[in-house]
Amino acid sequence: MKFEENLKKLERIAEEMENSDTPLDKMLELYSEGIELSKKCQDFLNVTQKKITEISES
């Protein structure tokens, strides 16, 4: 999945978790999925930052 897709899915998860009608078991599932998506986004940003630094220094 692309960074933008992961970020949009993460935003949808956050919105759903803000809904007070969401059952606790679903909240835990969403939280777990959100953590994984957050890690993927952060990894992508770290790799991108490294590439930009390498380009800037050459």
N, C-alpha and C. Protein backbone atom coordinates (compact mmCIF):
# COMPACT_ATOMS: atom_id res chain seq x y z
N MET A 1 0.83 -1.17 0.00
CA MET A 1 0.00 0.00 0.00
C MET A 1 0.88 1.25 0.00
N LYS A 2 0.43 2.27 -0.66
CA LYS A 2 1.18 3.52 -0.72
C LYS A 2 1.03 4.31 0.57
N PHE A 3 1.98 5.22 0.80
CA PHE A 3 1.97 6.06 2.00
C PHE A 3 0.63 6.80 2.15
N GLU A 4 0.17 7.41 1.07
CA GLU A 4 -1.07 8.18 1.13
C GLU A 4 -2.26 7.30 1.51
N GLU A 5 -2.30 6.09 0.97
CA GLU A 5 -3.38 5.16 1.29
C GLU A 5 -3.33 4.76 2.77
N ASN A 6 -2.13 4.49 3.26
CA ASN A 6 -1.97 4.13 4.67
C ASN A 6 -2.41 5.28 5.57
N LEU A 7 -2.04 6.49 5.20
CA LEU A 7 -2.38 7.66 6.00
C LEU A 7 -3.90 7.88 6.03
N LYS A 8 -4.56 7.73 4.89
CA LYS A 8 -6.02 7.88 4.84
C LYS A 8 -6.71 6.81 5.68
N LYS A 9 -6.20 5.59 5.61
CA LYS A 9 -6.79 4.52 6.40
C LYS A 9 -6.59 4.80 7.89
N LEU A 10 -5.43 5.31 8.24
CA LEU A 10 -5.15 5.67 9.63
C LEU A 10 -6.11 6.77 10.10
N GLU A 11 -6.38 7.73 9.25
CA GLU A 11 -7.33 8.79 9.59
C GLU A 11 -8.74 8.23 9.79
N ARG A 12 -9.15 7.29 8.94
CA ARG A 12 -10.47 6.67 9.10
C ARG A 12 -10.56 5.89 10.41
N ILE A 13 -9.47 5.21 10.75
CA ILE A 13 -9.44 4.46 12.02
C ILE A 13 -9.59 5.42 13.19
N ALA A 14 -8.87 6.54 13.15
CA ALA A 14 -8.96 7.52 14.24
C ALA A 14 -10.38 8.06 14.37
N GLU A 15 -11.02 8.34 13.25
CA GLU A 15 -12.40 8.83 13.28
C GLU A 15 -13.34 7.79 13.88
N GLU A 16 -13.16 6.53 13.49
CA GLU A 16 -14.02 5.47 14.01
C GLU A 16 -13.79 5.28 15.51
N MET A 17 -12.55 5.40 15.95
CA MET A 17 -12.25 5.23 17.37
C MET A 17 -12.83 6.39 18.20
N GLU A 18 -12.97 7.56 17.59
CA GLU A 18 -13.56 8.70 18.29
C GLU A 18 -15.06 8.52 18.49
N ASN A 19 -15.66 7.63 17.73
CA ASN A 19 -17.09 7.36 17.84
C ASN A 19 -17.35 6.60 19.13
N SER A 20 -18.11 7.19 20.01
CA SER A 20 -18.34 6.57 21.33
C SER A 20 -19.18 5.30 21.24
N ASP A 21 -19.79 5.03 20.09
CA ASP A 21 -20.61 3.83 19.94
C ASP A 21 -19.80 2.60 19.56
N THR A 22 -18.52 2.76 19.29
CA THR A 22 -17.68 1.64 18.87
C THR A 22 -17.42 0.73 20.06
N PRO A 23 -17.74 -0.57 19.93
CA PRO A 23 -17.51 -1.51 21.04
C PRO A 23 -16.02 -1.65 21.36
N LEU A 24 -15.74 -2.01 22.60
CA LEU A 24 -14.37 -2.10 23.08
C LEU A 24 -13.54 -3.09 22.26
N ASP A 25 -14.09 -4.25 21.93
CA ASP A 25 -13.32 -5.23 21.16
C ASP A 25 -12.95 -4.69 19.78
N LYS A 26 -13.85 -3.92 19.18
CA LYS A 26 -13.56 -3.30 17.89
C LYS A 26 -12.51 -2.20 18.06
N MET A 27 -12.58 -1.47 19.18
CA MET A 27 -11.59 -0.43 19.45
C MET A 27 -10.20 -1.03 19.55
N LEU A 28 -10.07 -2.16 20.23
CA LEU A 28 -8.76 -2.81 20.35
C LEU A 28 -8.24 -3.26 18.99
N GLU A 29 -9.13 -3.77 18.17
CA GLU A 29 -8.76 -4.20 16.81
C GLU A 29 -8.29 -2.99 16.00
N LEU A 30 -9.04 -1.91 16.07
CA LEU A 30 -8.68 -0.69 15.34
C LEU A 30 -7.36 -0.12 15.84
N TYR A 31 -7.17 -0.14 17.16
CA TYR A 31 -5.93 0.37 17.74
C TYR A 31 -4.73 -0.41 17.21
N SER A 32 -4.85 -1.73 17.22
CA SER A 32 -3.76 -2.58 16.73
C SER A 32 -3.45 -2.29 15.26
N GLU A 33 -4.49 -2.18 14.45
CA GLU A 33 -4.31 -1.88 13.03
C GLU A 33 -3.69 -0.49 12.86
N GLY A 34 -4.13 0.46 13.68
CA GLY A 34 -3.60 1.81 13.60
C GLY A 34 -2.12 1.87 13.94
N ILE A 35 -1.71 1.10 14.94
CA ILE A 35 -0.29 1.06 15.31
C ILE A 35 0.55 0.53 14.15
N GLU A 36 0.08 -0.54 13.51
CA GLU A 36 0.81 -1.11 12.38
C GLU A 36 0.91 -0.12 11.22
N LEU A 37 -0.19 0.56 10.92
CA LEU A 37 -0.17 1.56 9.85
C LEU A 37 0.75 2.72 10.20
N SER A 38 0.72 3.13 11.45
CA SER A 38 1.59 4.20 11.91
C SER A 38 3.06 3.83 11.73
N LYS A 39 3.41 2.60 12.06
CA LYS A 39 4.79 2.13 11.88
C LYS A 39 5.19 2.14 10.41
N LYS A 40 4.28 1.69 9.55
CA LYS A 40 4.57 1.68 8.12
C LYS A 40 4.79 3.10 7.59
N CYS A 41 3.96 4.02 8.02
CA CYS A 41 4.11 5.42 7.60
C CYS A 41 5.43 5.99 8.09
N GLN A 42 5.76 5.72 9.34
CA GLN A 42 7.01 6.23 9.91
C GLN A 42 8.22 5.64 9.19
N ASP A 43 8.18 4.35 8.89
CA ASP A 43 9.27 3.71 8.15
C ASP A 43 9.46 4.37 6.79
N PHE A 44 8.34 4.63 6.09
CA PHE A 44 8.40 5.28 4.80
C PHE A 44 9.05 6.67 4.92
N LEU A 45 8.62 7.42 5.92
CA LEU A 45 9.17 8.77 6.12
C LEU A 45 10.66 8.72 6.45
N ASN A 46 11.07 7.74 7.25
CA ASN A 46 12.49 7.61 7.59
C ASN A 46 13.33 7.31 6.34
N VAL A 47 12.85 6.41 5.50
CA VAL A 47 13.57 6.07 4.26
C VAL A 47 13.63 7.29 3.34
N THR A 48 12.53 7.99 3.24
CA THR A 48 12.48 9.18 2.38
C THR A 48 13.43 10.26 2.89
N GLN A 49 13.45 10.46 4.19
CA GLN A 49 14.36 11.45 4.78
C GLN A 49 15.81 11.08 4.50
N LYS A 50 16.13 9.81 4.62
CA LYS A 50 17.49 9.35 4.36
C LYS A 50 17.88 9.62 2.90
N LYS A 51 16.96 9.34 1.98
CA LYS A 51 17.23 9.58 0.56
C LYS A 51 17.46 11.07 0.29
N ILE A 52 16.64 11.90 0.89
CA ILE A 52 16.78 13.36 0.70
C ILE A 52 18.11 13.85 1.25
N THR A 53 18.49 13.34 2.40
CA THR A 53 19.79 13.71 2.98
C THR A 53 20.93 13.29 2.08
N GLU A 54 20.86 12.07 1.54
CA GLU A 54 21.91 11.59 0.64
C GLU A 54 22.00 12.45 -0.62
N ILE A 55 20.87 12.82 -1.15
CA ILE A 55 20.86 13.66 -2.37
C ILE A 55 21.43 15.04 -2.05
N SER A 56 21.05 15.59 -0.93
CA SER A 56 21.51 16.93 -0.53
C SER A 56 23.01 16.98 -0.30
N GLU A 57 23.57 15.88 0.20
CA GLU A 57 24.99 15.84 0.53
C GLU A 57 25.89 15.49 -0.66
N SER A 58 25.29 15.09 -1.76
CA SER A 58 26.13 14.72 -2.91
C SER A 58 26.36 15.87 -3.86
